[in-house]
Amino acid sequence: MIKKLIILIIFSLMAFFPNSVLAKGEFSSSYDITYDVAENGQTEVTEKVTLKNLTDRYYPSNFNLVIAVNDVTDLFASDSQGILQTSSTPVNGKTQINIKFNQQIAGKGKEYTWILKFKTIDFALNSGKIWDISIPKLSSAEDIENYNVNLLTPVSFGDPSV
């Protein structure tokens, strides 16, 4: 019999992704993330997340992450069944986001894919003619199968320099 386990997957990067997972080794994850920066520097972030169950005993019921930004707007999450319940809370200059899942995907090898979207002005900073765009890096790659990042910027920003 499958036991209900409320999985709180706490993510953080220096600004974003996985730091500590309460169910280490029980789930793996894949990410396809797009940072779409507008002319004014506002960045729309779209994350397609797939959680894969590595056991036949547990399932994720919600997802928590901490983002090291102050200003998160237009928070939205969905899965194949529709809109997911979301909430955000400011915590010490950061934003904690909680997503409650609609489905209970139980069984070894089962996958649950969902999408998180939000906007922030904190990833792009204009310094005169220079735009400094910060994409958070992973603080831990444990239990991550794939991690793809796309950065979209307006043509007016010019060519990137490193």
C-alpha atoms as a PDB file:
ATOM      1  CA  MET A   1       0.000   0.000   0.000  1.00  0.00           C
ATOM      2  CA  ILE A   2       1.290   3.414  -0.921  1.00  0.00           C
ATOM      3  CA  LYS A   3       1.914   5.690   2.007  1.00  0.00           C
ATOM      4  CA  LYS A   4       1.120   9.332   1.602  1.00  0.00           C
ATOM      5  CA  LEU A   5       4.214  11.374   2.140  1.00  0.00           C
ATOM      6  CA  ILE A   6       4.132  15.119   1.942  1.00  0.00           C
ATOM      7  CA  ILE A   7       7.305  15.893   0.126  1.00  0.00           C
ATOM      8  CA  LEU A   8       8.689  19.350   0.592  1.00  0.00           C
ATOM      9  CA  ILE A   9      11.375  19.760  -1.999  1.00  0.00           C
ATOM     10  CA  ILE A  10      13.156  22.889  -0.933  1.00  0.00           C
ATOM     11  CA  PHE A  11      15.012  24.515  -3.747  1.00  0.00           C
ATOM     12  CA  SER A  12      17.393  27.325  -3.695  1.00  0.00           C
ATOM     13  CA  LEU A  13      20.307  28.426  -5.733  1.00  0.00           C
ATOM     14  CA  MET A  14      22.244  31.344  -4.806  1.00  0.00           C
ATOM     15  CA  ALA A  15      19.115  32.722  -6.298  1.00  0.00           C
ATOM     16  CA  PHE A  16      17.239  29.608  -7.219  1.00  0.00           C
ATOM     17  CA  PHE A  17      17.517  25.791  -7.319  1.00  0.00           C
ATOM     18  CA  PRO A  18      17.989  22.629  -5.289  1.00  0.00           C
ATOM     19  CA  ASN A  19      19.835  22.950  -2.046  1.00  0.00           C
ATOM     20  CA  SER A  20      18.341  20.364   0.261  1.00  0.00           C
ATOM     21  CA  VAL A  21      15.826  17.707  -0.617  1.00  0.00           C
ATOM     22  CA  LEU A  22      13.976  16.042   2.228  1.00  0.00           C
ATOM     23  CA  ALA A  23      13.414  12.926   0.127  1.00  0.00           C
ATOM     24  CA  LYS A  24      16.920  12.484  -1.267  1.00  0.00           C
ATOM     25  CA  GLY A  25      17.237   9.525  -3.548  1.00  0.00           C
ATOM     26  CA  GLU A  26      13.471   9.085  -3.814  1.00  0.00           C
ATOM     27  CA  PHE A  27      12.937  11.476  -6.738  1.00  0.00           C
ATOM     28  CA  SER A  28      15.020  12.795  -9.597  1.00  0.00           C
ATOM     29  CA  SER A  29      14.230  15.945 -11.520  1.00  0.00           C
ATOM     30  CA  SER A  30      14.741  17.500 -14.943  1.00  0.00           C
ATOM     31  CA  TYR A  31      14.484  21.189 -15.788  1.00  0.00           C
ATOM     32  CA  ASP A  32      13.975  23.142 -18.977  1.00  0.00           C
ATOM     33  CA  ILE A  33      14.165  26.818 -17.999  1.00  0.00           C
ATOM     34  CA  THR A  34      13.767  29.918 -20.144  1.00  0.00           C
ATOM     35  CA  TYR A  35      14.701  33.429 -19.030  1.00  0.00           C
ATOM     36  CA  ASP A  36      13.014  35.887 -21.411  1.00  0.00           C
ATOM     37  CA  VAL A  37      14.324  39.403 -20.769  1.00  0.00           C
ATOM     38  CA  ALA A  38      12.235  42.335 -22.030  1.00  0.00           C
ATOM     39  CA  GLU A  39      13.515  45.762 -23.180  1.00  0.00           C
ATOM     40  CA  ASN A  40      12.874  47.192 -19.698  1.00  0.00           C
ATOM     41  CA  GLY A  41      14.791  44.370 -17.988  1.00  0.00           C
ATOM     42  CA  GLN A  42      11.746  42.545 -16.665  1.00  0.00           C
ATOM     43  CA  THR A  43      12.429  38.825 -16.957  1.00  0.00           C
ATOM     44  CA  GLU A  44       9.756  36.211 -17.504  1.00  0.00           C
ATOM     45  CA  VAL A  45      10.915  32.864 -16.173  1.00  0.00           C
ATOM     46  CA  THR A  46       9.325  29.658 -17.438  1.00  0.00           C
ATOM     47  CA  GLU A  47      10.346  26.386 -15.829  1.00  0.00           C
ATOM     48  CA  LYS A  48       9.213  23.030 -17.150  1.00  0.00           C
ATOM     49  CA  VAL A  49       9.923  20.594 -14.342  1.00  0.00           C
ATOM     50  CA  THR A  50       9.676  16.809 -14.482  1.00  0.00           C
ATOM     51  CA  LEU A  51       9.853  14.840 -11.251  1.00  0.00           C
ATOM     52  CA  LYS A  52      10.579  11.133 -11.601  1.00  0.00           C
ATOM     53  CA  ASN A  53       9.630   8.769  -8.797  1.00  0.00           C
ATOM     54  CA  LEU A  54      12.536   6.465  -7.949  1.00  0.00           C
ATOM     55  CA  THR A  55      10.526   4.389  -5.446  1.00  0.00           C
ATOM     56  CA  ASP A  56       7.152   2.717  -5.322  1.00  0.00           C
ATOM     57  CA  ARG A  57       6.389   4.025  -1.827  1.00  0.00           C
ATOM     58  CA  TYR A  58       6.099   7.808  -2.120  1.00  0.00           C
ATOM     59  CA  TYR A  59       4.695  10.578  -4.264  1.00  0.00           C
ATOM     60  CA  PRO A  60       5.217  14.337  -4.236  1.00  0.00           C
ATOM     61  CA  SER A  61       2.243  16.389  -3.068  1.00  0.00           C
ATOM     62  CA  ASN A  62       3.807  19.838  -3.251  1.00  0.00           C
ATOM     63  CA  PHE A  63       6.945  21.697  -4.215  1.00  0.00           C
ATOM     64  CA  ASN A  64       8.679  24.548  -2.412  1.00  0.00           C
ATOM     65  CA  LEU A  65      11.469  26.763  -3.641  1.00  0.00           C
ATOM     66  CA  VAL A  66      13.228  29.857  -2.408  1.00  0.00           C
ATOM     67  CA  ILE A  67      14.270  32.523  -4.892  1.00  0.00           C
ATOM     68  CA  ALA A  68      16.759  35.187  -3.845  1.00  0.00           C
ATOM     69  CA  VAL A  69      14.731  38.004  -5.374  1.00  0.00           C
ATOM     70  CA  ASN A  70      12.411  40.509  -3.733  1.00  0.00           C
ATOM     71  CA  ASP A  71       9.966  41.133  -6.534  1.00  0.00           C
ATOM     72  CA  VAL A  72       8.035  38.170  -7.991  1.00  0.00           C
ATOM     73  CA  THR A  73       4.879  38.902  -9.972  1.00  0.00           C
ATOM     74  CA  ASP A  74       2.433  36.992 -12.178  1.00  0.00           C
ATOM     75  CA  LEU A  75       3.109  33.692 -10.382  1.00  0.00           C
ATOM     76  CA  PHE A  76       1.450  30.805 -12.235  1.00  0.00           C
ATOM     77  CA  ALA A  77       1.801  27.028 -12.265  1.00  0.00           C
ATOM     78  CA  SER A  78      -0.003  24.298 -14.198  1.00  0.00           C
ATOM     79  CA  ASP A  79       0.093  20.628 -15.066  1.00  0.00           C
ATOM     80  CA  SER A  80      -1.784  18.457 -17.571  1.00  0.00           C
ATOM     81  CA  GLN A  81      -4.965  18.765 -15.485  1.00  0.00           C
ATOM     82  CA  GLY A  82      -4.934  22.550 -15.210  1.00  0.00           C
ATOM     83  CA  ILE A  83      -3.893  25.312 -12.860  1.00  0.00           C
ATOM     84  CA  LEU A  84      -1.938  24.456  -9.706  1.00  0.00           C
ATOM     85  CA  GLN A  85      -2.490  26.257  -6.429  1.00  0.00           C
ATOM     86  CA  THR A  86       0.456  28.593  -5.745  1.00  0.00           C
ATOM     87  CA  SER A  87       1.466  30.976  -2.999  1.00  0.00           C
ATOM     88  CA  SER A  88       4.472  33.187  -2.344  1.00  0.00           C
ATOM     89  CA  THR A  89       5.844  34.587   0.878  1.00  0.00           C
ATOM     90  CA  PRO A  90       8.641  37.126   1.387  1.00  0.00           C
ATOM     91  CA  VAL A  91      11.351  35.726   3.696  1.00  0.00           C
ATOM     92  CA  ASN A  92      14.437  37.790   4.607  1.00  0.00           C
ATOM     93  CA  GLY A  93      14.805  39.517   1.226  1.00  0.00           C
ATOM     94  CA  LYS A  94      13.941  36.349  -0.678  1.00  0.00           C
ATOM     95  CA  THR A  95      10.696  34.874  -1.970  1.00  0.00           C
ATOM     96  CA  GLN A  96       9.452  31.438  -0.962  1.00  0.00           C
ATOM     97  CA  ILE A  97       7.108  29.855  -3.511  1.00  0.00           C
ATOM     98  CA  ASN A  98       4.853  26.891  -2.745  1.00  0.00           C
ATOM     99  CA  ILE A  99       3.091  24.851  -5.426  1.00  0.00           C
ATOM    100  CA  LYS A 100       0.459  22.257  -4.501  1.00  0.00           C
ATOM    101  CA  PHE A 101       0.120  19.436  -7.030  1.00  0.00           C
ATOM    102  CA  ASN A 102      -3.242  18.317  -8.471  1.00  0.00           C
ATOM    103  CA  GLN A 103      -2.144  14.750  -9.118  1.00  0.00           C
ATOM    104  CA  GLN A 104      -0.580  12.006  -7.067  1.00  0.00           C
ATOM    105  CA  ILE A 105       1.848  10.153  -9.295  1.00  0.00           C
ATOM    106  CA  ALA A 106       2.762   7.008  -7.396  1.00  0.00           C
ATOM    107  CA  GLY A 107       4.898   4.143  -8.630  1.00  0.00           C
ATOM    108  CA  LYS A 108       8.517   3.581  -9.478  1.00  0.00           C
ATOM    109  CA  GLY A 109       9.514   5.251 -12.744  1.00  0.00           C
ATOM    110  CA  LYS A 110       6.354   7.407 -12.916  1.00  0.00           C
ATOM    111  CA  GLU A 111       6.896  11.018 -13.971  1.00  0.00           C
ATOM    112  CA  TYR A 112       5.045  14.211 -13.120  1.00  0.00           C
ATOM    113  CA  THR A 113       5.586  17.232 -15.365  1.00  0.00           C
ATOM    114  CA  TRP A 114       4.439  20.725 -14.485  1.00  0.00           C
ATOM    115  CA  ILE A 115       5.215  24.324 -15.418  1.00  0.00           C
ATOM    116  CA  LEU A 116       6.040  27.298 -13.218  1.00  0.00           C
ATOM    117  CA  LYS A 117       6.013  30.871 -14.555  1.00  0.00           C
ATOM    118  CA  PHE A 118       6.745  34.188 -12.915  1.00  0.00           C
ATOM    119  CA  LYS A 119       8.184  37.611 -13.666  1.00  0.00           C
ATOM    120  CA  THR A 120      10.853  39.591 -11.832  1.00  0.00           C
ATOM    121  CA  ILE A 121      12.925  42.709 -12.355  1.00  0.00           C
ATOM    122  CA  ASP A 122      15.764  41.343 -10.229  1.00  0.00           C
ATOM    123  CA  PHE A 123      17.651  39.253 -12.849  1.00  0.00           C
ATOM    124  CA  ALA A 124      18.564  42.115 -15.223  1.00  0.00           C
ATOM    125  CA  LEU A 125      20.293  45.344 -14.168  1.00  0.00           C
ATOM    126  CA  ASN A 126      20.899  48.273 -16.506  1.00  0.00           C
ATOM    127  CA  SER A 127      24.172  50.143 -15.928  1.00  0.00           C
ATOM    128  CA  GLY A 128      24.272  52.834 -18.612  1.00  0.00           C
ATOM    129  CA  LYS A 129      24.708  51.040 -21.939  1.00  0.00           C
ATOM    130  CA  ILE A 130      25.403  47.713 -20.268  1.00  0.00           C
ATOM    131  CA  TRP A 131      22.813  45.148 -19.213  1.00  0.00           C
ATOM    132  CA  ASP A 132      24.040  42.794 -16.502  1.00  0.00           C
ATOM    133  CA  ILE A 133      21.895  39.664 -16.595  1.00  0.00           C
ATOM    134  CA  SER A 134      22.280  37.189 -13.751  1.00  0.00           C
ATOM    135  CA  ILE A 135      21.126  33.628 -14.202  1.00  0.00           C
ATOM    136  CA  PRO A 136      21.159  31.680 -10.970  1.00  0.00           C
ATOM    137  CA  LYS A 137      23.485  28.719 -10.810  1.00  0.00           C
ATOM    138  CA  LEU A 138      22.813  25.408  -9.145  1.00  0.00           C
ATOM    139  CA  SER A 139      24.083  25.116  -5.622  1.00  0.00           C
ATOM    140  CA  SER A 140      23.680  21.342  -5.852  1.00  0.00           C
ATOM    141  CA  ALA A 141      23.157  19.049  -8.822  1.00  0.00           C
ATOM    142  CA  GLU A 142      22.228  16.059  -6.678  1.00  0.00           C
ATOM    143  CA  ASP A 143      19.208  14.133  -8.027  1.00  0.00           C
ATOM    144  CA  ILE A 144      19.067  16.269 -11.215  1.00  0.00           C
ATOM    145  CA  GLU A 145      18.988  14.297 -14.458  1.00  0.00           C
ATOM    146  CA  ASN A 146      18.788  17.179 -16.960  1.00  0.00           C
ATOM    147  CA  TYR A 147      19.178  20.922 -16.634  1.00  0.00           C
ATOM    148  CA  ASN A 148      18.667  23.078 -19.732  1.00  0.00           C
ATOM    149  CA  VAL A 149      18.701  26.881 -19.662  1.00  0.00           C
ATOM    150  CA  ASN A 150      17.711  29.280 -22.446  1.00  0.00           C
ATOM    151  CA  LEU A 151      18.344  33.023 -22.271  1.00  0.00           C
ATOM    152  CA  LEU A 152      16.333  35.252 -24.607  1.00  0.00           C
ATOM    153  CA  THR A 153      17.234  38.944 -24.888  1.00  0.00           C
ATOM    154  CA  PRO A 154      16.084  41.749 -27.185  1.00  0.00           C
ATOM    155  CA  VAL A 155      18.211  42.443 -30.270  1.00  0.00           C
ATOM    156  CA  SER A 156      18.701  45.987 -28.935  1.00  0.00           C
ATOM    157  CA  PHE A 157      20.862  44.568 -26.114  1.00  0.00           C
ATOM    158  CA  GLY A 158      23.521  43.695 -28.680  1.00  0.00           C
ATOM    159  CA  ASP A 159      25.955  40.794 -28.603  1.00  0.00           C
ATOM    160  CA  PRO A 160      26.823  39.237 -25.248  1.00  0.00           C
ATOM    161  CA  SER A 161      30.250  39.612 -23.678  1.00  0.00           C
ATOM    162  CA  VAL A 162      31.717  37.433 -21.008  1.00  0.00           C
END
